[in-house]
N, C-alpha and C. Protein backbone atom coordinates (compact mmCIF):
# COMPACT_ATOMS: atom_id res chain seq x y z
N MET A 1 0.92 -1.16 0.05
CA MET A 1 0.03 0.16 -0.37
C MET A 1 0.81 0.97 0.24
N ARG A 2 0.36 2.30 -0.82
CA ARG A 2 1.49 3.45 -1.04
C ARG A 2 1.02 4.16 0.24
N LYS A 3 2.25 5.00 0.70
CA LYS A 3 1.61 6.35 1.94
C LYS A 3 1.95 7.16 1.56
N THR A 4 0.38 8.12 1.95
CA THR A 4 0.46 9.34 1.57
C THR A 4 0.75 10.55 2.43
N PRO A 5 0.59 11.89 2.32
CA PRO A 5 1.45 12.65 3.18
C PRO A 5 0.29 12.83 4.58
N LEU A 6 -0.83 12.36 3.89
CA LEU A 6 -1.92 12.56 5.40
C LEU A 6 -2.14 11.16 6.26
N SER A 7 -1.21 10.14 6.15
CA SER A 7 -1.14 9.08 6.81
C SER A 7 0.25 8.92 7.60
N GLY A 8 -0.01 8.23 8.92
CA GLY A 8 0.74 8.05 9.85
C GLY A 8 1.89 9.54 10.03
N LEU A 9 3.04 9.59 10.26
CA LEU A 9 3.62 10.55 10.63
C LEU A 9 3.52 11.90 9.70
N GLY A 10 3.17 11.93 8.51
CA GLY A 10 2.69 12.84 7.64
C GLY A 10 1.72 13.66 8.05
N ALA A 11 0.60 12.69 8.52
CA ALA A 11 -0.58 13.31 9.12
C ALA A 11 -0.54 13.94 10.77
N TRP A 12 0.60 13.13 11.10
CA TRP A 12 0.77 13.60 12.77
C TRP A 12 1.54 14.73 12.59
N THR A 13 2.42 15.38 11.75
CA THR A 13 3.16 16.32 11.49
C THR A 13 2.05 17.34 10.93
N ILE A 14 1.50 17.49 9.89
CA ILE A 14 0.52 18.49 9.50
C ILE A 14 -0.65 18.53 10.68
N GLN A 15 -0.88 17.68 11.68
CA GLN A 15 -1.69 18.42 12.65
C GLN A 15 -0.79 19.18 13.61
N ARG A 16 0.08 18.79 14.16
CA ARG A 16 0.53 19.87 14.76
C ARG A 16 1.09 21.14 13.80
N LEU A 17 1.54 20.96 12.93
CA LEU A 17 1.81 22.31 12.19
C LEU A 17 0.48 23.10 12.29
N THR A 18 -0.18 22.55 11.88
CA THR A 18 -1.77 23.50 11.64
C THR A 18 -2.16 24.02 13.07
N ALA A 19 -1.93 23.09 14.11
CA ALA A 19 -2.33 23.66 15.25
C ALA A 19 -1.38 24.61 16.00
N VAL A 20 -0.25 24.69 15.41
CA VAL A 20 0.41 25.65 15.95
C VAL A 20 0.44 26.94 15.39
N TYR A 21 0.05 26.89 14.47
CA TYR A 21 -0.65 28.25 13.00
C TYR A 21 -1.67 28.72 13.92
N LEU A 22 -2.62 27.93 14.30
CA LEU A 22 -4.15 28.07 14.69
C LEU A 22 -3.97 29.32 16.16
N LEU A 23 -2.97 28.36 16.86
CA LEU A 23 -2.77 29.07 18.07
C LEU A 23 -1.93 30.36 17.94
N ILE A 24 -0.71 30.16 17.11
CA ILE A 24 -0.59 31.63 16.83
C ILE A 24 -1.44 32.55 16.43
N PHE A 25 -2.07 32.63 15.73
CA PHE A 25 -3.07 33.51 14.85
C PHE A 25 -3.83 33.81 16.53
N PHE A 26 -4.58 33.03 16.72
CA PHE A 26 -5.52 33.19 18.28
C PHE A 26 -4.89 34.06 19.20
N LEU A 27 -3.79 33.93 19.36
CA LEU A 27 -3.07 34.72 20.46
C LEU A 27 -3.09 36.13 19.57
N PHE A 28 -2.58 36.33 18.48
CA PHE A 28 -2.60 37.59 17.80
C PHE A 28 -3.51 38.33 17.86
N LEU A 29 -4.71 37.82 17.46
CA LEU A 29 -5.86 38.20 17.84
C LEU A 29 -6.15 39.27 18.80
N LEU A 30 -6.16 38.38 19.81
CA LEU A 30 -6.31 38.15 21.22
C LEU A 30 -5.66 39.45 21.64
N GLY A 31 -3.96 39.23 21.31
CA GLY A 31 -3.36 40.45 21.98
C GLY A 31 -3.40 41.80 21.10
N TYR A 32 -4.22 41.73 20.30
CA TYR A 32 -4.37 42.95 19.53
C TYR A 32 -5.55 43.25 19.82
N PHE A 33 -6.78 42.68 20.44
CA PHE A 33 -7.68 43.33 20.60
C PHE A 33 -8.12 43.84 22.26
N VAL A 34 -7.02 42.87 22.70
CA VAL A 34 -6.98 43.57 24.32
C VAL A 34 -5.67 44.76 23.89
N PHE A 35 -5.04 44.93 23.50
CA PHE A 35 -3.84 46.11 23.76
C PHE A 35 -4.53 47.21 22.55
N TRP A 36 -4.87 46.68 21.51
CA TRP A 36 -5.55 48.00 20.39
C TRP A 36 -6.66 47.58 20.19
N PRO A 37 -7.52 47.78 21.06
CA PRO A 37 -8.96 47.75 20.41
C PRO A 37 -9.23 49.03 19.42
N PRO A 38 -9.95 48.40 18.36
CA PRO A 38 -10.67 49.44 17.41
C PRO A 38 -11.23 50.16 17.66
N GLY A 39 -10.89 51.67 17.76
CA GLY A 39 -12.15 52.88 17.80
C GLY A 39 -13.64 52.38 17.54
N SER A 40 -13.80 52.20 16.44
CA SER A 40 -14.98 52.04 15.25
C SER A 40 -14.87 51.38 14.42
N TYR A 41 -16.34 51.02 13.70
CA TYR A 41 -16.17 49.85 12.77
C TYR A 41 -15.47 50.22 11.74
N GLU A 42 -15.09 51.50 11.27
CA GLU A 42 -14.36 51.97 10.10
C GLU A 42 -12.88 51.50 10.38
N ILE A 43 -12.59 51.87 11.62
CA ILE A 43 -10.94 51.27 11.65
C ILE A 43 -10.84 49.67 11.69
N TRP A 44 -11.64 49.29 12.52
CA TRP A 44 -11.75 47.54 12.54
C TRP A 44 -11.65 47.20 11.03
N ARG A 45 -12.36 47.64 9.99
CA ARG A 45 -12.90 47.31 8.59
C ARG A 45 -11.69 47.49 7.95
N ASP A 46 -10.97 48.64 8.21
CA ASP A 46 -9.85 49.01 7.62
C ASP A 46 -8.60 47.98 8.01
N TRP A 47 -8.37 47.50 9.07
CA TRP A 47 -7.34 47.08 9.95
C TRP A 47 -7.67 45.18 8.99
N ILE A 48 -8.78 44.82 8.89
CA ILE A 48 -9.29 43.76 8.79
C ILE A 48 -9.33 43.39 7.13
N SER A 49 -9.36 44.41 6.56
CA SER A 49 -9.24 44.42 5.25
C SER A 49 -7.46 44.89 4.54
N SER A 50 -6.80 44.82 5.01
CA SER A 50 -5.70 45.09 4.85
C SER A 50 -4.86 44.11 4.18
N THR A 51 -4.31 44.12 3.37
CA THR A 51 -3.48 42.69 2.83
C THR A 51 -2.56 41.76 3.51
N PRO A 52 -1.91 41.84 4.64
CA PRO A 52 -1.15 41.11 5.34
C PRO A 52 -2.17 40.46 6.71
N LEU A 53 -3.36 41.28 6.90
CA LEU A 53 -4.23 40.39 7.36
C LEU A 53 -5.23 39.86 6.91
N VAL A 54 -5.48 39.61 5.35
CA VAL A 54 -6.12 38.86 4.75
C VAL A 54 -5.58 37.41 4.19
N ILE A 55 -3.95 37.80 4.24
CA ILE A 55 -3.41 36.79 3.97
C ILE A 55 -3.38 35.77 5.04
N ALA A 56 -2.91 36.55 6.47
CA ALA A 56 -2.85 35.70 7.43
C ALA A 56 -4.22 34.72 7.74
N THR A 57 -5.55 35.66 7.59
CA THR A 57 -6.49 35.28 8.02
C THR A 57 -6.57 33.99 6.45
N SER A 58 -6.45 34.02 5.58
CA SER A 58 -6.83 33.07 4.49
C SER A 58 -5.52 31.46 4.98
N LEU A 59 -4.56 32.11 5.87
CA LEU A 59 -3.90 30.95 5.90
C LEU A 59 -4.49 30.13 7.17
N PHE A 60 -5.14 31.21 8.03
CA PHE A 60 -5.89 30.53 9.15
C PHE A 60 -7.01 29.54 8.79
N PHE A 61 -7.48 29.78 7.76
CA PHE A 61 -8.59 29.20 7.14
C PHE A 61 -8.44 28.09 6.46
N ILE A 62 -7.29 27.97 6.09
CA ILE A 62 -6.74 26.81 5.24
C ILE A 62 -6.13 25.76 6.36
N ALA A 63 -5.41 26.44 7.50
CA ALA A 63 -5.05 25.86 8.14
C ALA A 63 -6.17 24.91 9.30
N LEU A 64 -6.87 25.55 9.64
CA LEU A 64 -8.01 25.10 10.46
C LEU A 64 -8.61 24.14 9.66
N LEU A 65 -9.05 24.24 8.23
CA LEU A 65 -9.58 23.17 7.16
C LEU A 65 -8.86 21.67 7.45
N VAL A 66 -7.76 21.86 6.89
CA VAL A 66 -6.69 20.96 6.92
C VAL A 66 -6.85 20.15 8.25
N HIS A 67 -6.75 21.17 8.99
CA HIS A 67 -6.63 20.40 10.72
C HIS A 67 -8.07 19.79 10.99
N ALA A 68 -8.52 20.05 10.59
CA ALA A 68 -10.17 19.71 11.02
C ALA A 68 -10.13 18.52 10.20
N TRP A 69 -9.99 18.21 8.87
CA TRP A 69 -9.70 17.27 7.93
C TRP A 69 -8.93 16.00 8.46
N VAL A 70 -7.92 16.20 9.06
CA VAL A 70 -6.90 15.38 9.51
C VAL A 70 -7.50 14.55 10.71
N GLY A 71 -7.79 15.41 11.54
CA GLY A 71 -8.77 15.16 12.82
C GLY A 71 -9.73 14.22 12.77
N LEU A 72 -10.78 14.42 11.90
CA LEU A 72 -11.78 13.84 11.61
C LEU A 72 -11.75 12.61 10.94
N ARG A 73 -10.95 12.70 9.95
CA ARG A 73 -10.36 11.42 9.10
C ARG A 73 -9.93 10.19 10.00
N ASP A 74 -9.19 11.07 10.77
CA ASP A 74 -8.44 9.58 11.75
C ASP A 74 -9.52 9.13 13.04
N VAL A 75 -10.64 10.11 13.15
CA VAL A 75 -11.53 9.85 14.08
C VAL A 75 -12.54 8.57 13.11
N VAL A 76 -12.64 9.11 11.89
CA VAL A 76 -13.56 7.95 11.19
C VAL A 76 -13.21 6.60 10.66
N LEU A 77 -12.02 6.84 10.56
CA LEU A 77 -10.90 5.51 9.94
C LEU A 77 -10.71 4.62 11.40
N ASP A 78 -10.74 5.22 12.56
CA ASP A 78 -10.36 4.40 13.66
C ASP A 78 -11.86 3.92 14.06
N TYR A 79 -13.06 4.47 14.21
CA TYR A 79 -13.94 4.42 14.66
C TYR A 79 -15.11 3.71 13.48
N VAL A 80 -15.33 3.84 12.57
CA VAL A 80 -16.49 3.33 11.12
C VAL A 80 -15.52 2.33 10.73
N LYS A 81 -16.13 1.24 10.76
CA LYS A 81 -15.47 0.14 10.63
C LYS A 81 -15.90 -0.39 9.15
N PRO A 82 -17.48 -0.47 8.66
CA PRO A 82 -17.52 -1.07 7.42
C PRO A 82 -17.57 -0.06 6.51
N LEU A 83 -16.48 -0.57 5.57
CA LEU A 83 -16.13 0.59 4.49
C LEU A 83 -17.42 0.90 3.77
N PRO A 84 -18.73 1.30 3.27
CA PRO A 84 -19.44 1.73 2.72
C PRO A 84 -19.71 2.66 3.55
N LEU A 85 -19.90 2.81 4.74
CA LEU A 85 -20.26 3.61 5.82
C LEU A 85 -19.21 4.60 5.92
N ARG A 86 -18.16 4.02 6.13
CA ARG A 86 -16.68 4.78 6.62
C ARG A 86 -16.68 5.74 5.21
N LEU A 87 -16.77 5.61 3.79
CA LEU A 87 -16.72 6.16 2.37
C LEU A 87 -17.73 7.32 2.64
N GLY A 88 -19.05 6.63 3.15
CA GLY A 88 -20.19 7.98 3.12
C GLY A 88 -19.91 8.81 4.04
N VAL A 89 -19.29 8.71 5.29
CA VAL A 89 -19.01 9.75 6.24
C VAL A 89 -18.15 10.51 5.52
N LEU A 90 -17.01 9.98 5.21
CA LEU A 90 -15.61 11.11 4.95
C LEU A 90 -16.36 11.56 3.57
N ALA A 91 -16.85 11.39 2.39
CA ALA A 91 -17.43 11.84 2.09
C ALA A 91 -18.70 13.21 2.31
N VAL A 92 -19.30 13.04 3.35
CA VAL A 92 -19.94 14.06 4.18
C VAL A 92 -19.19 15.16 4.71
N LEU A 93 -17.96 14.37 5.20
CA LEU A 93 -17.48 15.68 6.03
C LEU A 93 -16.49 16.35 4.93
N ALA A 94 -16.04 15.62 3.80
CA ALA A 94 -15.24 16.50 2.69
C ALA A 94 -16.27 17.42 2.07
N PHE A 95 -17.25 17.08 1.58
CA PHE A 95 -18.11 17.90 1.22
C PHE A 95 -18.59 19.25 2.05
N GLY A 96 -18.86 18.83 3.55
CA GLY A 96 -18.96 19.97 4.57
C GLY A 96 -17.89 20.79 4.53
N LEU A 97 -16.71 20.16 4.36
CA LEU A 97 -15.32 21.06 4.75
C LEU A 97 -14.95 21.88 3.43
N ILE A 98 -15.53 21.34 2.42
CA ILE A 98 -15.39 21.99 1.00
C ILE A 98 -16.55 23.24 1.21
N GLY A 99 -17.73 23.06 1.66
CA GLY A 99 -18.76 24.41 1.88
C GLY A 99 -18.15 25.50 2.57
N LEU A 100 -17.43 24.70 3.41
CA LEU A 100 -16.66 25.80 4.60
C LEU A 100 -16.08 26.76 3.99
N ALA A 101 -14.91 25.60 2.95
CA ALA A 101 -13.94 26.61 2.19
C ALA A 101 -14.80 27.57 1.46
N VAL A 102 -15.53 27.28 0.85
CA VAL A 102 -16.11 28.17 -0.59
C VAL A 102 -16.84 29.46 0.51
N TRP A 103 -17.25 28.81 1.61
CA TRP A 103 -17.92 30.26 2.58
C TRP A 103 -16.42 30.90 3.08
N ALA A 104 -15.67 30.80 3.49
CA ALA A 104 -14.45 31.55 3.63
C ALA A 104 -13.84 32.27 2.54
N ILE A 105 -13.58 31.85 1.31
CA ILE A 105 -13.40 32.59 0.59
C ILE A 105 -14.11 33.62 0.15
N LYS A 106 -15.24 33.26 0.22
CA LYS A 106 -16.86 34.32 0.00
C LYS A 106 -16.07 35.79 0.84
N VAL A 107 -15.97 35.19 2.09
CA VAL A 107 -15.91 35.98 2.93
C VAL A 107 -14.46 36.77 2.76
N LEU A 108 -13.62 36.40 2.52
CA LEU A 108 -12.28 37.04 2.37
C LEU A 108 -12.50 37.83 1.01
N LEU A 109 -12.61 37.36 0.54
CA LEU A 109 -13.11 38.05 -0.81
C LEU A 109 -13.69 39.44 -0.76
N THR A 110 -14.78 39.20 0.14
CA THR A 110 -15.73 40.56 0.61
C THR A 110 -15.06 41.38 1.30
N ALA A 111 -14.01 41.03 2.05
CA ALA A 111 -13.10 41.94 3.30
C ALA A 111 -12.28 42.69 2.44
N ALA A 112 -11.75 41.63 1.56
CA ALA A 112 -10.70 42.09 0.70
C ALA A 112 -10.72 43.44 -0.08
N ALA A 113 -12.31 43.87 -0.85
CA ALA A 113 -12.72 44.69 -1.37
C ALA A 113 -13.33 45.67 -0.89
């Protein structure tokens, strides 16, 4: 059987790297809002639509979706034994995460405009 990057040590590494990025981004946002709270909606909108933050937020959503996929896939592979049911559950999860990705792209494009 051929190994993929999302199995074994590769999946473990991806899960840990995405978790680190999610934590760093969350701490950045927390620190920003604690120490430099925006004074108005316009200030917040200008900040959130700045190019560096749009890129960082895009990476956040990518990391979140990859993290969710690897984690949920591992749970399904461990606990759902009948192959047809396993494939069905994985398909539903994949379509759900793809839907979330489409939504995130729409939100980020709206924020950047």
